[in-house]
Amino acid sequence: MANMTRMDRHRQAELEKEQNKRKNNKPNEEPELLNSGQPNQKKPKKIKKKKKKSKIFFLILIALIVLSVVGYFKGVGSAKLDKNNKQADVGNFLGEKSQDGSTNVLLLGSDSRGEDQGRSDSIMIAHYDKKNKQPKLVSIMRDTYVAIPQNGGIEYNKINAAYSYGGPELVRKTIKETFGVPIQYYAIVNFESFPKIVETLAPGGLKIDAEKDLEVEGTVIKKGEQKMSGKEALQYARFRKDEESDFGRVRRQQQVMTALLKQGLNPLNAWRLPETIGTVRGYTQTNIPFSFYPGVGTSYLFSQHKPLDILTIPVEGSWNDGYYDHSGSVLEIDEAVNGQAIKTFFTN
């Protein structure tokens, strides 16, 4: 029995060695079992990586927002420090929202020099609809003869006289009563500040294809494609001493506005857009809130960049030349036809 016991022990030891050998040579070990009988699997690292990426993205987003705000107010501050940036008190503006959700902005160019002192030298309505992302611009000829609301009554005069009578609010009211167009915001640029705005949007010069040779107040501009300085762009837009008079000038103003929009909202310039907007904002009198810029700017930047559509009022065939002692040469218009033309233009 004793010998048998020794043999059994020897055999058991050999079996244990063999089992240990096999166990060490196994390519994959079975997972340990928890008390519940389920394998004790480690959590995948992918979840941790996703959390890390989300955190990095969030930090980058915060940094971009901070830099954008800083850039915007830096631009505003630099414009406000300019001693030539003089802005008058324009009073209250009772803006009205469009029922379709689009935005209309009254753009006024004021000139404090010469016989037109106190009047608006250019009157435009900028229209933008976030749904179709189509920027549109309506230019209203400054000699358009309209009824201007005055002290409970009306006074017939050129539409640009409304600005000198009651600022942007009276221009807004006159446009609403004449053409039925609601306007929510206004923006006024005087011609001392305009060159600075051009140079901010186009530091290397504004690309314009000049339609003819012309000279304004000592500034000579040759026909053809060129890069204009802020001063040259201003004089090009204001020139009217030819056979086309105000019609030619309005067309050149539209040409400059189109070039400014194309330059300012170029995706390649997106990195400096906040400071650019701030600088333009600082040189402009407006009631447009800060919150408006990111929404519209981002909407257009990430759109298909549709070109600026333009309409001139009065439309062809809807006006006649007129003359009155108190206002001089004017354009007498069919208000109903032109009002409908604007509405159709905005909705199509």
Foldseek 3Di string as FASTA:
>chain_A
DVVVVVVVVVVVVVVVVVVVVVVVPDPDDDADADPVRDGPDDDDCVVVVVVVVVVVVVVVVVVLVVVLVVLLQVLLVVLLPDPLLDDDDQDDADADADPVRKAKEWEFEAECDDPCHQFTLWIKIWIADLVQRAIEMETEQQQAWFWFDDPNGTDTAGLRVQCSVRRPRSSQVRCCVLQVDGHGKYKYAYLVCQLVLQCLLPVPAFWAQQCAWDDDPHDTDHGGTDGHGSVNLSRSLNDAPDPCGRVNSPVSVVRRVQSSVCSLLPLVCVSSNSNSNSNSVNSMDMPDDPVVCVVSSVSCSPDPNDGYHYHYPPDPPFWDWDADPVHGIHTHGDSHVRSVVVVVVNPD
